[in-house]
Amino acid sequence: MTNEQYNGWTNYETWLFNLHYGDEIDPEGYDETSLREYLSDLFDELNPIPETPSFWTDLIQGAKSEINFDEIARNILAD
């Protein structure tokens, strides 16, 4: 994927993560930094193959590096 905007989000990866998990997050008790960290940790927890070196692990980690967790956190806190 490229780093072009997608449906108003930074990119496809950010949009997709927010689509699946953004509405499930209760923002109560979070500031932007702690929510960003929570979202990144959530991605890691949901990773079905977290420690297996493979093409798929690299692909998943590549997708994570493209997700703008700050943007998702700001969006969640703004709702």
N, C-alpha and C. Protein backbone atom coordinates (compact mmCIF):
# COMPACT_ATOMS: atom_id res chain seq x y z
N MET A 1 0.84 -1.19 0.00
CA MET A 1 0.00 0.00 0.00
C MET A 1 0.87 1.24 0.00
N THR A 2 0.33 2.29 -0.57
CA THR A 2 1.05 3.55 -0.57
C THR A 2 0.57 4.41 0.58
N ASN A 3 1.27 5.49 0.82
CA ASN A 3 0.90 6.39 1.91
C ASN A 3 -0.03 7.50 1.44
N GLU A 4 -0.96 7.19 0.57
CA GLU A 4 -1.93 8.18 0.12
C GLU A 4 -3.17 8.08 0.99
N GLN A 5 -3.89 9.19 1.10
CA GLN A 5 -5.10 9.18 1.91
C GLN A 5 -6.09 8.14 1.41
N TYR A 6 -6.84 7.58 2.36
CA TYR A 6 -7.83 6.57 2.04
C TYR A 6 -9.08 6.86 2.86
N ASN A 7 -10.17 7.16 2.19
CA ASN A 7 -11.45 7.46 2.84
C ASN A 7 -11.31 8.50 3.95
N GLY A 8 -10.45 9.49 3.73
CA GLY A 8 -10.27 10.57 4.71
C GLY A 8 -9.24 10.28 5.79
N TRP A 9 -8.66 9.09 5.77
CA TRP A 9 -7.66 8.70 6.76
C TRP A 9 -6.27 8.78 6.12
N THR A 10 -5.24 8.73 6.95
CA THR A 10 -3.87 8.82 6.47
C THR A 10 -3.60 7.84 5.35
N ASN A 11 -4.05 6.61 5.51
CA ASN A 11 -3.81 5.56 4.52
C ASN A 11 -4.77 4.39 4.76
N TYR A 12 -4.68 3.40 3.91
CA TYR A 12 -5.55 2.23 3.99
C TYR A 12 -5.40 1.50 5.33
N GLU A 13 -4.17 1.31 5.79
CA GLU A 13 -3.93 0.56 7.02
C GLU A 13 -4.57 1.25 8.23
N THR A 14 -4.46 2.58 8.29
CA THR A 14 -5.06 3.34 9.38
C THR A 14 -6.58 3.23 9.31
N TRP A 15 -7.13 3.42 8.13
CA TRP A 15 -8.57 3.31 7.94
C TRP A 15 -9.07 1.93 8.35
N LEU A 16 -8.38 0.88 7.92
CA LEU A 16 -8.81 -0.49 8.18
C LEU A 16 -8.78 -0.81 9.67
N PHE A 17 -7.70 -0.44 10.36
CA PHE A 17 -7.63 -0.71 11.80
C PHE A 17 -8.74 0.04 12.52
N ASN A 18 -8.95 1.29 12.17
CA ASN A 18 -10.01 2.06 12.80
C ASN A 18 -11.38 1.46 12.49
N LEU A 19 -11.59 1.02 11.28
CA LEU A 19 -12.86 0.41 10.89
C LEU A 19 -13.20 -0.77 11.78
N HIS A 20 -12.23 -1.61 12.06
CA HIS A 20 -12.48 -2.82 12.82
C HIS A 20 -12.46 -2.62 14.33
N TYR A 21 -11.68 -1.66 14.82
CA TYR A 21 -11.50 -1.54 16.26
C TYR A 21 -11.80 -0.18 16.85
N GLY A 22 -11.91 0.85 16.03
CA GLY A 22 -12.10 2.21 16.54
C GLY A 22 -13.37 2.39 17.36
N ASP A 23 -14.45 1.76 16.94
CA ASP A 23 -15.72 1.91 17.66
C ASP A 23 -15.80 1.06 18.91
N GLU A 24 -14.88 0.14 19.09
CA GLU A 24 -14.90 -0.74 20.25
C GLU A 24 -14.14 -0.16 21.45
N ILE A 25 -13.45 0.94 21.25
CA ILE A 25 -12.60 1.51 22.29
C ILE A 25 -13.38 2.53 23.10
N ASP A 26 -13.38 2.35 24.43
CA ASP A 26 -13.97 3.32 25.34
C ASP A 26 -12.87 4.33 25.70
N PRO A 27 -13.02 5.58 25.30
CA PRO A 27 -11.94 6.56 25.52
C PRO A 27 -11.81 7.03 26.97
N GLU A 28 -12.72 6.61 27.82
CA GLU A 28 -12.70 7.06 29.22
C GLU A 28 -11.37 6.73 29.88
N GLY A 29 -10.75 7.73 30.47
CA GLY A 29 -9.51 7.53 31.20
C GLY A 29 -8.25 7.60 30.37
N TYR A 30 -8.38 7.88 29.08
CA TYR A 30 -7.21 7.96 28.21
C TYR A 30 -6.94 9.39 27.80
N ASP A 31 -5.66 9.72 27.65
CA ASP A 31 -5.29 10.92 26.91
C ASP A 31 -4.77 10.41 25.57
N GLU A 32 -4.38 11.31 24.69
CA GLU A 32 -3.98 10.89 23.34
C GLU A 32 -2.78 9.94 23.36
N THR A 33 -1.80 10.23 24.20
CA THR A 33 -0.60 9.39 24.24
C THR A 33 -0.91 7.99 24.76
N SER A 34 -1.64 7.90 25.86
CA SER A 34 -1.92 6.58 26.43
C SER A 34 -2.86 5.79 25.53
N LEU A 35 -3.76 6.46 24.83
CA LEU A 35 -4.65 5.75 23.91
C LEU A 35 -3.87 5.25 22.71
N ARG A 36 -2.95 6.05 22.23
CA ARG A 36 -2.10 5.63 21.11
C ARG A 36 -1.33 4.37 21.48
N GLU A 37 -0.75 4.35 22.68
CA GLU A 37 0.00 3.19 23.14
C GLU A 37 -0.92 1.98 23.29
N TYR A 38 -2.12 2.20 23.81
CA TYR A 38 -3.08 1.11 23.95
C TYR A 38 -3.43 0.50 22.59
N LEU A 39 -3.66 1.35 21.59
CA LEU A 39 -4.00 0.86 20.26
C LEU A 39 -2.86 0.06 19.65
N SER A 40 -1.64 0.52 19.82
CA SER A 40 -0.48 -0.21 19.31
C SER A 40 -0.34 -1.56 20.01
N ASP A 41 -0.55 -1.57 21.32
CA ASP A 41 -0.50 -2.82 22.08
C ASP A 41 -1.63 -3.76 21.65
N LEU A 42 -2.80 -3.19 21.39
CA LEU A 42 -3.94 -3.99 20.93
C LEU A 42 -3.60 -4.68 19.62
N PHE A 43 -2.97 -3.96 18.71
CA PHE A 43 -2.55 -4.56 17.45
C PHE A 43 -1.67 -5.77 17.73
N ASP A 44 -0.70 -5.62 18.62
CA ASP A 44 0.21 -6.72 18.94
C ASP A 44 -0.54 -7.90 19.56
N GLU A 45 -1.49 -7.62 20.44
CA GLU A 45 -2.27 -8.69 21.07
C GLU A 45 -3.12 -9.45 20.06
N LEU A 46 -3.61 -8.76 19.06
CA LEU A 46 -4.48 -9.38 18.06
C LEU A 46 -3.72 -10.11 16.97
N ASN A 47 -2.42 -9.91 16.92
CA ASN A 47 -1.59 -10.53 15.89
C ASN A 47 -1.66 -12.05 16.03
N PRO A 48 -2.16 -12.75 15.00
CA PRO A 48 -2.33 -14.20 15.11
C PRO A 48 -1.01 -14.99 15.05
N ILE A 49 0.06 -14.36 14.58
CA ILE A 49 1.35 -15.05 14.48
C ILE A 49 2.46 -14.12 14.96
N PRO A 50 2.43 -13.73 16.22
CA PRO A 50 3.32 -12.66 16.70
C PRO A 50 4.81 -12.97 16.70
N GLU A 51 5.21 -14.19 16.90
CA GLU A 51 6.64 -14.45 17.09
C GLU A 51 7.20 -15.44 16.08
N THR A 52 6.44 -15.78 15.08
CA THR A 52 6.89 -16.75 14.09
C THR A 52 7.54 -16.02 12.92
N PRO A 53 8.85 -16.14 12.76
CA PRO A 53 9.50 -15.47 11.63
C PRO A 53 8.98 -16.06 10.31
N SER A 54 8.40 -15.20 9.52
CA SER A 54 7.86 -15.66 8.24
C SER A 54 7.52 -14.45 7.37
N PHE A 55 7.19 -14.73 6.15
CA PHE A 55 6.70 -13.71 5.24
C PHE A 55 5.48 -13.02 5.84
N TRP A 56 4.56 -13.79 6.42
CA TRP A 56 3.31 -13.24 6.96
C TRP A 56 3.56 -12.34 8.16
N THR A 57 4.49 -12.73 9.01
CA THR A 57 4.84 -11.88 10.15
C THR A 57 5.41 -10.55 9.67
N ASP A 58 6.28 -10.61 8.69
CA ASP A 58 6.86 -9.39 8.14
C ASP A 58 5.78 -8.51 7.50
N LEU A 59 4.84 -9.13 6.83
CA LEU A 59 3.75 -8.39 6.20
C LEU A 59 2.89 -7.69 7.25
N ILE A 60 2.57 -8.40 8.32
CA ILE A 60 1.77 -7.83 9.40
C ILE A 60 2.51 -6.68 10.08
N GLN A 61 3.79 -6.87 10.36
CA GLN A 61 4.57 -5.80 10.99
C GLN A 61 4.74 -4.61 10.06
N GLY A 62 4.83 -4.87 8.77
CA GLY A 62 4.88 -3.77 7.80
C GLY A 62 3.60 -2.97 7.81
N ALA A 63 2.47 -3.66 7.91
CA ALA A 63 1.18 -2.97 7.99
C ALA A 63 1.11 -2.14 9.26
N LYS A 64 1.58 -2.70 10.38
CA LYS A 64 1.54 -1.96 11.64
C LYS A 64 2.35 -0.67 11.53
N SER A 65 3.48 -0.74 10.85
CA SER A 65 4.32 0.46 10.75
C SER A 65 3.65 1.57 9.95
N GLU A 66 2.64 1.24 9.17
CA GLU A 66 1.92 2.23 8.38
C GLU A 66 0.73 2.83 9.11
N ILE A 67 0.26 2.18 10.18
CA ILE A 67 -0.93 2.66 10.89
C ILE A 67 -0.59 3.91 11.68
N ASN A 68 -1.40 4.94 11.51
CA ASN A 68 -1.24 6.18 12.24
C ASN A 68 -2.10 6.10 13.50
N PHE A 69 -1.54 5.50 14.56
CA PHE A 69 -2.27 5.33 15.81
C PHE A 69 -2.62 6.66 16.45
N ASP A 70 -1.80 7.70 16.23
CA ASP A 70 -2.12 9.03 16.75
C ASP A 70 -3.42 9.55 16.14
N GLU A 71 -3.58 9.36 14.85
CA GLU A 71 -4.79 9.82 14.17
C GLU A 71 -6.02 9.09 14.70
N ILE A 72 -5.90 7.79 14.90
CA ILE A 72 -7.03 7.01 15.42
C ILE A 72 -7.36 7.47 16.84
N ALA A 73 -6.34 7.67 17.66
CA ALA A 73 -6.56 8.12 19.05
C ALA A 73 -7.27 9.47 19.07
N ARG A 74 -6.81 10.41 18.24
CA ARG A 74 -7.47 11.73 18.18
C ARG A 74 -8.92 11.59 17.77
N ASN A 75 -9.19 10.72 16.81
CA ASN A 75 -10.55 10.52 16.34
C ASN A 75 -11.45 9.93 17.44
N ILE A 76 -10.93 8.94 18.15
CA ILE A 76 -11.70 8.33 19.23
C ILE A 76 -12.00 9.33 20.32
N LEU A 77 -10.99 10.13 20.69
CA LEU A 77 -11.18 11.11 21.77
C LEU A 77 -12.09 12.25 21.35
N ALA A 78 -12.18 12.51 20.06
CA ALA A 78 -13.04 13.60 19.57
C ALA A 78 -14.52 13.22 19.55
N ASP A 79 -14.79 11.92 19.53
CA ASP A 79 -16.21 11.48 19.48
C ASP A 79 -16.93 11.68 20.77
